[in-house]
Amino acid sequence: MTALEDKASLALYVHWPFCVSKCPYCDFNSHVRDGVDQALWRDALLADLAYEAAQLPGRTLTSIFFGGGTPSLMPPETVAAILGAAERHWGFAPGIEITLEANPSSVEAARFADLAAAGVNRVSLGLQSLDDKALRFLGRAHDVAEGLGALETAGRHFGRVSFDLIYALPGQSEGAWEAELARALSFGTGHLSLYQLTIEPGTRFATLAAKGDLTPKDADEAAGFYELTQDMTAAAGLPAYEISNHARPGEESRHNLTYWRYGTYAGIGPGAHGRRGGLATQRHRKPENWLAAIGRNGHGIQEEMALTPADRAMEAMLMGLRLREGVDLARISKMTALEISEFVSINAVERLEQQGLVASQSRLKVKKPILLDGILAELVSI
């Protein structure tokens, strides 16, 4: 049963905005602060959670995801308090997936046992590279040895482990990436998130690129790296189920699948987004503004925006086309009360199918996700 069909299911996202330092490629809502009042933040997150629970009664949580920032910097007792409150508000589905993003430092790895005891059963580890020079370029505080030590510790404490790598770096050869990916696949984890380096506006890398001090790979080079990645992961039994995410069957991120299948999710904490009842919710992004809103209103919401049927169809298409399983047009039609022809160009489907870029049966499937932007522009008729 998919998220679009199960109206009683719910995913919860919890944003912890703090990091020890800001990576030069990162445009996430992350902040460096000299000190954090942990009791204040725990109480504020619990208040934000209680507000969302009141808006979404009668639901059952199928997944919880602690993202950031660096959520492995959260005290385990704060994680336990949030999980306890979430279970009281909604109840947990059998086998609920509870993921926490973690940096692979030895200090944070030392908390893994306590985080597992608090209820976390899946960890997503930000290794980012298996090359020390690349880690320095990416501004990471750990080295390869420390990262692999954290991976080994995570494997002892959590039932499911995923880790991230960034590839197609300036100066990186396909041969070097092939060797690095082969090593990563040898570790035997059931899930990998493999991202090509992108230069995001407002980051230090964007400044360096604008000055000519950093030259990202061009589209043709990047495509070669992407195809190599697809071939190697598929051969190893971890095919891509989403543009950048690879897993053994059954090891996919259930939480992220809720997003990509356009299900209902609540988001709490600074900058967190949610989708509930045709509403798009967004929390205040800056930590201090979010805290002030909690004190003023009892929640951190900056905006609640009603989505039109056309908005929802567009979002469902945009998210679903990221997936290998594609989009179920009939389900989107049922959800939005729109005819399929009102949100998809049938002529474009036929043309793209003739070019071998999509397959149209009971579902619409992207065969070459790297071309997603162009395909979406052609397909969506809204």
Protein backbone atom coordinates (compact mmCIF):
# COMPACT_ATOMS: atom_id res chain seq x y z
CA MET A 1 0.00 0.00 0.00
CA THR A 2 1.47 3.36 -0.99
CA ALA A 3 1.33 6.60 0.94
CA LEU A 4 -1.25 8.00 -1.46
CA GLU A 5 -3.64 5.15 -0.66
CA ASP A 6 -3.20 4.86 3.10
CA LYS A 7 -4.99 7.87 4.57
CA ALA A 8 -4.21 6.84 8.15
CA SER A 9 -0.41 6.76 7.77
CA LEU A 10 1.89 9.64 8.65
CA ALA A 11 5.59 10.44 8.49
CA LEU A 12 7.26 12.87 10.90
CA TYR A 13 10.32 15.00 10.13
CA VAL A 14 12.25 16.63 13.00
CA HIS A 15 14.82 19.30 12.09
CA TRP A 16 17.85 19.94 14.30
CA PRO A 17 19.54 23.01 12.78
CA PHE A 18 22.94 23.04 14.47
CA CYS A 19 26.32 21.96 13.12
CA VAL A 20 29.86 22.20 14.44
CA SER A 21 30.90 23.91 11.18
CA LYS A 22 29.36 24.79 7.81
CA CYS A 23 30.46 22.67 4.85
CA PRO A 24 31.31 24.68 1.71
CA TYR A 25 28.84 22.77 -0.51
CA CYS A 26 25.91 22.86 1.94
CA ASP A 27 22.80 24.98 1.39
CA PHE A 28 20.71 23.18 4.03
CA ASN A 29 19.19 25.05 6.95
CA SER A 30 22.19 24.54 9.22
CA HIS A 31 23.73 26.98 11.67
CA VAL A 32 26.80 27.21 13.87
CA ARG A 33 26.16 28.52 17.40
CA ASP A 34 28.53 28.88 20.36
CA GLY A 35 26.04 27.32 22.73
CA VAL A 36 22.62 25.66 22.66
CA ASP A 37 20.19 25.64 25.59
CA GLN A 38 19.29 21.97 25.34
CA ALA A 39 16.35 22.07 27.76
CA LEU A 40 14.85 25.06 25.95
CA TRP A 41 15.19 23.34 22.59
CA ARG A 42 13.72 20.08 23.84
CA ASP A 43 10.66 21.86 25.23
CA ALA A 44 10.24 23.91 22.04
CA LEU A 45 10.36 20.84 19.80
CA LEU A 46 7.82 19.09 22.01
CA ALA A 47 5.50 22.11 21.76
CA ASP A 48 5.82 22.20 17.98
CA LEU A 49 5.11 18.47 17.88
CA ALA A 50 2.00 18.81 20.05
CA TYR A 51 0.61 21.47 17.72
CA GLU A 52 1.06 19.28 14.64
CA ALA A 53 -0.49 16.31 16.43
CA ALA A 54 -3.60 18.37 17.14
CA GLN A 55 -3.92 19.15 13.42
CA LEU A 56 -3.56 15.50 12.37
CA PRO A 57 -5.60 13.35 14.75
CA GLY A 58 -6.25 9.67 14.17
CA ARG A 59 -3.00 9.00 12.32
CA THR A 60 -0.37 6.31 12.83
CA LEU A 61 3.31 7.03 12.41
CA THR A 62 5.08 4.81 9.90
CA SER A 63 8.41 6.67 9.97
CA ILE A 64 10.29 9.40 11.83
CA PHE A 65 13.35 11.16 10.44
CA PHE A 66 15.73 13.36 12.43
CA GLY A 67 17.49 15.61 9.90
CA GLY A 68 19.57 18.73 9.97
CA GLY A 69 21.99 20.23 10.56
CA THR A 70 23.58 17.48 12.57
CA PRO A 71 20.98 15.59 14.62
CA SER A 72 23.64 13.31 16.09
CA LEU A 73 24.56 16.38 18.16
CA MET A 74 21.16 16.13 19.88
CA PRO A 75 21.28 14.74 23.41
CA PRO A 76 19.89 11.18 23.34
CA GLU A 77 17.43 12.17 26.07
CA THR A 78 15.96 14.80 23.72
CA VAL A 79 15.56 12.18 21.01
CA ALA A 80 13.89 9.86 23.53
CA ALA A 81 11.53 12.62 24.69
CA ILE A 82 10.44 13.40 21.12
CA LEU A 83 9.90 9.74 20.29
CA GLY A 84 7.91 9.19 23.46
CA ALA A 85 5.69 12.18 22.77
CA ALA A 86 5.20 11.19 19.12
CA GLU A 87 4.08 7.72 20.15
CA ARG A 88 1.63 9.14 22.70
CA HIS A 89 0.19 11.58 20.16
CA TRP A 90 -0.21 9.19 17.24
CA GLY A 91 0.93 5.68 17.99
CA PHE A 92 3.57 3.74 16.09
CA ALA A 93 2.92 1.35 13.23
CA PRO A 94 4.51 -2.10 13.66
CA GLY A 95 8.11 -1.96 12.49
CA ILE A 96 8.22 1.84 12.38
CA GLU A 97 11.38 3.21 10.76
CA ILE A 98 13.17 5.80 12.92
CA THR A 99 16.15 7.37 11.14
CA LEU A 100 18.74 9.82 12.43
CA GLU A 101 21.36 11.57 10.30
CA ALA A 102 24.81 11.44 11.85
CA ASN A 103 28.26 12.80 11.23
CA PRO A 104 30.95 10.11 11.37
CA SER A 105 33.04 11.66 14.13
CA SER A 106 34.23 9.53 17.02
CA VAL A 107 32.53 11.91 19.47
CA GLU A 108 29.13 11.46 17.83
CA ALA A 109 29.66 7.72 17.28
CA ALA A 110 30.09 7.42 21.03
CA ARG A 111 26.41 8.39 21.34
CA PHE A 112 25.15 5.66 19.02
CA ALA A 113 24.41 3.17 21.80
CA ASP A 114 22.32 5.74 23.68
CA LEU A 115 20.53 6.85 20.50
CA ALA A 116 19.66 3.22 19.74
CA ALA A 117 18.39 2.79 23.29
CA ALA A 118 16.23 5.90 22.78
CA GLY A 119 14.51 4.17 19.85
CA VAL A 120 16.49 5.08 16.70
CA ASN A 121 16.72 1.97 14.50
CA ARG A 122 18.23 3.38 11.31
CA VAL A 123 21.17 5.76 10.87
CA SER A 124 22.19 7.75 7.79
CA LEU A 125 25.91 8.46 8.03
CA GLY A 126 27.50 11.41 6.22
CA LEU A 127 30.78 9.80 5.17
CA GLN A 128 30.79 11.87 1.90
CA SER A 129 34.08 10.41 0.67
CA LEU A 130 36.54 7.56 1.18
CA ASP A 131 39.48 9.77 0.21
CA ASP A 132 41.17 12.04 2.76
CA LYS A 133 42.08 14.70 0.21
CA ALA A 134 38.48 14.87 -0.99
CA LEU A 135 37.23 15.12 2.60
CA ARG A 136 39.46 18.13 3.15
CA PHE A 137 38.18 19.70 -0.07
CA LEU A 138 34.59 19.12 1.11
CA GLY A 139 35.33 20.77 4.45
CA ARG A 140 34.64 17.65 6.48
CA ALA A 141 36.02 17.43 10.01
CA HIS A 142 36.62 13.65 9.93
CA ASP A 143 39.11 11.57 8.00
CA VAL A 144 38.52 8.22 6.32
CA ALA A 145 39.70 6.14 9.27
CA GLU A 146 37.39 7.97 11.68
CA GLY A 147 34.50 7.67 9.26
CA LEU A 148 34.95 3.94 8.81
CA GLY A 149 35.20 3.54 12.56
CA ALA A 150 31.85 5.30 12.92
CA LEU A 151 30.38 3.05 10.21
CA GLU A 152 31.52 -0.04 12.09
CA THR A 153 30.06 1.33 15.34
CA ALA A 154 26.78 2.14 13.62
CA GLY A 155 26.55 -1.41 12.31
CA ARG A 156 26.78 -2.75 15.86
CA HIS A 157 23.98 -0.57 17.23
CA PHE A 158 21.43 -0.05 14.45
CA GLY A 159 19.46 -2.59 12.48
CA ARG A 160 19.75 -0.56 9.28
CA VAL A 161 22.62 1.66 8.15
CA SER A 162 22.97 3.95 5.14
CA PHE A 163 25.77 6.30 4.21
CA ASP A 164 26.28 9.20 1.80
CA LEU A 165 29.02 9.77 -0.75
CA ILE A 166 29.56 12.78 -3.02
CA TYR A 167 31.13 12.14 -6.42
CA ALA A 168 32.02 13.89 -9.69
CA LEU A 169 34.30 16.24 -7.77
CA PRO A 170 36.60 18.65 -9.63
CA GLY A 171 39.68 16.72 -10.70
CA GLN A 172 38.18 13.32 -9.84
CA SER A 173 38.60 10.69 -12.57
CA GLU A 174 36.05 8.03 -13.40
CA GLY A 175 38.65 5.43 -12.46
CA ALA A 176 39.11 6.95 -9.00
CA TRP A 177 35.34 7.04 -8.45
CA GLU A 178 35.01 3.47 -9.68
CA ALA A 179 37.57 2.31 -7.11
CA GLU A 180 35.95 4.34 -4.33
CA LEU A 181 32.46 3.08 -5.12
CA ALA A 182 33.70 -0.51 -5.30
CA ARG A 183 35.15 -0.10 -1.82
CA ALA A 184 31.90 1.41 -0.57
CA LEU A 185 29.88 -1.47 -1.98
CA SER A 186 32.22 -3.98 -0.31
CA PHE A 187 31.07 -2.85 3.13
CA GLY A 188 27.74 -4.62 2.61
CA THR A 189 25.35 -1.90 3.79
CA GLY A 190 21.83 -2.17 2.42
CA HIS A 191 21.41 1.46 1.35
CA LEU A 192 23.64 4.10 -0.24
CA SER A 193 22.91 7.74 -1.08
CA LEU A 194 25.22 8.81 -3.92
CA TYR A 195 25.12 12.48 -4.91
CA GLN A 196 26.90 14.30 -7.68
CA LEU A 197 28.47 17.50 -6.45
CA THR A 198 26.23 20.44 -7.28
CA ILE A 199 27.14 24.07 -6.77
CA GLU A 200 24.31 25.63 -4.77
CA PRO A 201 23.72 29.41 -4.64
CA GLY A 202 24.87 31.08 -1.47
CA THR A 203 27.49 28.47 -0.60
CA ARG A 204 31.25 28.95 -0.36
CA PHE A 205 31.66 26.70 -3.39
CA ALA A 206 29.38 29.01 -5.38
CA THR A 207 31.64 31.93 -4.49
CA LEU A 208 34.73 29.99 -5.55
CA ALA A 209 33.08 28.92 -8.81
CA ALA A 210 32.09 32.51 -9.60
CA LYS A 211 35.72 33.59 -9.09
CA GLY A 212 36.98 30.79 -11.31
CA ASP A 213 38.73 29.05 -8.42
CA LEU A 214 36.54 25.95 -8.69
CA THR A 215 35.45 24.30 -11.93
CA PRO A 216 32.67 21.71 -11.64
CA LYS A 217 32.39 18.91 -14.16
CA ASP A 218 30.41 19.68 -17.29
CA ALA A 219 27.18 17.84 -18.13
CA ASP A 220 28.83 15.25 -20.39
CA GLU A 221 31.45 14.35 -17.79
CA ALA A 222 28.81 14.16 -15.06
CA ALA A 223 26.67 11.86 -17.22
CA GLY A 224 29.57 9.43 -17.51
CA PHE A 225 29.96 9.32 -13.75
CA TYR A 226 26.21 8.82 -13.34
CA GLU A 227 26.04 5.91 -15.78
CA LEU A 228 29.03 4.23 -14.12
CA THR A 229 27.30 4.59 -10.76
CA GLN A 230 24.09 3.03 -12.04
CA ASP A 231 25.90 0.07 -13.58
CA MET A 232 28.01 -0.69 -10.52
CA THR A 233 25.24 -0.42 -7.95
CA ALA A 234 22.86 -2.51 -10.03
CA ALA A 235 25.50 -5.21 -10.46
CA ALA A 236 26.06 -5.22 -6.69
CA GLY A 237 22.35 -5.71 -5.95
CA LEU A 238 21.70 -2.11 -4.87
CA PRO A 239 19.93 -0.62 -7.89
CA ALA A 240 18.74 2.97 -7.88
CA TYR A 241 15.17 3.25 -6.66
CA GLU A 242 15.41 7.06 -6.80
CA ILE A 243 17.75 9.36 -8.71
CA SER A 244 20.47 9.36 -6.03
CA ASN A 245 19.39 6.55 -3.70
CA HIS A 246 20.28 2.88 -4.02
CA ALA A 247 19.11 -0.05 -1.95
CA ARG A 248 18.68 -3.77 -1.73
CA PRO A 249 15.01 -4.70 -2.14
CA GLY A 250 13.26 -3.94 1.14
CA GLU A 251 16.02 -1.61 2.37
CA GLU A 252 14.64 1.57 0.76
CA SER A 253 14.12 4.61 2.99
CA ARG A 254 10.44 4.33 3.92
CA HIS A 255 10.41 7.90 5.18
CA ASN A 256 11.74 9.41 1.97
CA LEU A 257 9.36 7.23 -0.05
CA THR A 258 6.52 9.06 1.72
CA TYR A 259 7.80 12.31 0.21
CA TRP A 260 8.38 10.85 -3.23
CA ARG A 261 5.00 9.12 -3.26
CA TYR A 262 3.38 12.34 -2.09
CA GLY A 263 2.03 11.11 1.21
CA THR A 264 1.15 13.07 4.34
CA TYR A 265 3.99 14.21 6.57
CA ALA A 266 4.42 16.58 9.47
CA GLY A 267 7.54 18.69 9.81
CA ILE A 268 8.69 20.31 13.05
CA GLY A 269 11.73 22.37 13.95
CA PRO A 270 13.33 25.35 12.16
CA GLY A 271 12.63 25.49 8.44
CA ALA A 272 10.75 22.17 8.39
CA HIS A 273 8.12 21.64 5.68
CA GLY A 274 4.98 19.50 5.85
CA ARG A 275 2.01 18.42 3.76
CA ARG A 276 -1.33 17.83 5.48
CA GLY A 277 -4.90 17.99 4.25
CA GLY A 278 -4.12 19.99 1.12
CA LEU A 279 -1.99 22.44 3.10
CA ALA A 280 1.72 23.14 2.71
CA THR A 281 3.29 24.08 6.04
CA GLN A 282 6.62 25.80 6.58
CA ARG A 283 8.32 26.65 9.88
CA HIS A 284 10.44 29.74 10.49
CA ARG A 285 13.90 29.01 9.12
CA LYS A 286 16.21 30.91 11.48
CA PRO A 287 16.52 29.12 14.83
CA GLU A 288 15.99 32.27 16.88
CA ASN A 289 12.88 33.23 14.88
CA TRP A 290 11.47 29.74 15.27
CA LEU A 291 12.02 29.82 19.02
CA ALA A 292 10.34 33.22 19.26
CA ALA A 293 7.33 31.89 17.33
CA ILE A 294 7.07 28.93 19.71
CA GLY A 295 6.98 31.32 22.66
CA ARG A 296 4.49 33.59 20.93
CA ASN A 297 2.15 31.08 19.27
CA GLY A 298 2.90 27.66 20.70
CA HIS A 299 4.20 26.50 17.29
CA GLY A 300 6.93 27.47 14.83
CA ILE A 301 4.82 27.84 11.68
CA GLN A 302 5.65 30.76 9.42
CA GLU A 303 3.18 29.90 6.67
CA GLU A 304 0.29 27.55 5.95
CA MET A 305 -0.61 27.66 2.29
CA ALA A 306 -3.62 25.97 0.69
CA LEU A 307 -2.62 23.97 -2.38
CA THR A 308 -4.90 23.91 -5.40
CA PRO A 309 -5.59 20.56 -7.12
CA ALA A 310 -3.23 21.69 -9.88
CA ASP A 311 -0.51 22.46 -7.29
CA ARG A 312 -0.89 19.01 -5.75
CA ALA A 313 -0.79 17.26 -9.11
CA MET A 314 2.35 19.18 -10.07
CA GLU A 315 4.06 18.29 -6.79
CA ALA A 316 3.03 14.64 -7.01
CA MET A 317 4.45 14.46 -10.54
CA LEU A 318 7.65 16.27 -9.60
CA MET A 319 8.29 13.93 -6.67
CA GLY A 320 7.12 10.72 -8.32
CA LEU A 321 9.23 11.12 -11.44
CA ARG A 322 12.30 10.82 -9.21
CA LEU A 323 11.40 7.18 -8.54
CA ARG A 324 12.21 4.15 -10.66
CA GLU A 325 8.66 2.92 -9.97
CA GLY A 326 7.36 6.11 -11.58
CA VAL A 327 4.00 7.75 -10.99
CA ASP A 328 0.52 6.27 -10.90
CA LEU A 329 -1.50 8.79 -12.87
CA ALA A 330 -4.83 7.26 -11.83
CA ARG A 331 -3.95 7.73 -8.15
CA ILE A 332 -2.98 11.36 -8.68
CA SER A 333 -6.22 11.90 -10.58
CA LYS A 334 -8.21 10.42 -7.69
CA MET A 335 -6.33 12.50 -5.11
CA THR A 336 -6.84 15.80 -6.95
CA ALA A 337 -10.18 15.16 -8.72
CA LEU A 338 -8.47 16.20 -11.95
CA GLU A 339 -8.62 14.30 -15.22
CA ILE A 340 -5.23 12.90 -16.22
CA SER A 341 -5.27 15.08 -19.33
CA GLU A 342 -5.54 18.14 -17.06
CA PHE A 343 -2.09 17.60 -15.56
CA VAL A 344 -0.19 15.49 -18.11
CA SER A 345 0.40 16.15 -21.79
CA ILE A 346 -0.56 12.87 -23.47
CA ASN A 347 1.17 13.99 -26.67
CA ALA A 348 4.40 14.49 -24.72
CA VAL A 349 4.06 11.03 -23.18
CA GLU A 350 3.78 9.46 -26.62
CA ARG A 351 6.68 11.48 -28.01
CA LEU A 352 8.98 10.73 -25.08
CA GLU A 353 8.03 7.05 -25.19
CA GLN A 354 9.05 6.92 -28.86
CA GLN A 355 12.44 8.38 -27.83
CA GLY A 356 12.85 5.69 -25.15
CA LEU A 357 12.87 8.20 -22.29
CA VAL A 358 9.67 7.02 -20.57
CA ALA A 359 7.50 3.92 -20.53
CA SER A 360 3.75 4.32 -20.32
CA GLN A 361 1.66 1.40 -19.15
CA SER A 362 -0.36 1.46 -15.93
CA ARG A 363 2.44 3.69 -14.65
CA LEU A 364 4.68 6.35 -16.16
CA LYS A 365 8.33 5.49 -15.56
CA VAL A 366 11.45 7.54 -16.11
CA LYS A 367 14.20 5.45 -17.67
CA LYS A 368 16.84 8.19 -17.58
CA PRO A 369 16.34 10.20 -14.38
CA ILE A 370 19.26 12.49 -15.24
CA LEU A 371 16.95 14.10 -17.83
CA LEU A 372 14.18 14.69 -15.29
CA ASP A 373 13.96 18.46 -15.66
CA GLY A 374 13.42 18.33 -19.40
CA ILE A 375 10.97 15.42 -19.17
CA LEU A 376 8.93 17.15 -16.49
CA ALA A 377 8.71 20.34 -18.51
CA GLU A 378 7.32 18.41 -21.44
CA LEU A 379 4.99 16.12 -19.52
CA VAL A 380 3.22 18.44 -17.12
CA SER A 381 0.48 20.39 -18.84
CA ILE A 382 -0.51 22.60 -15.91
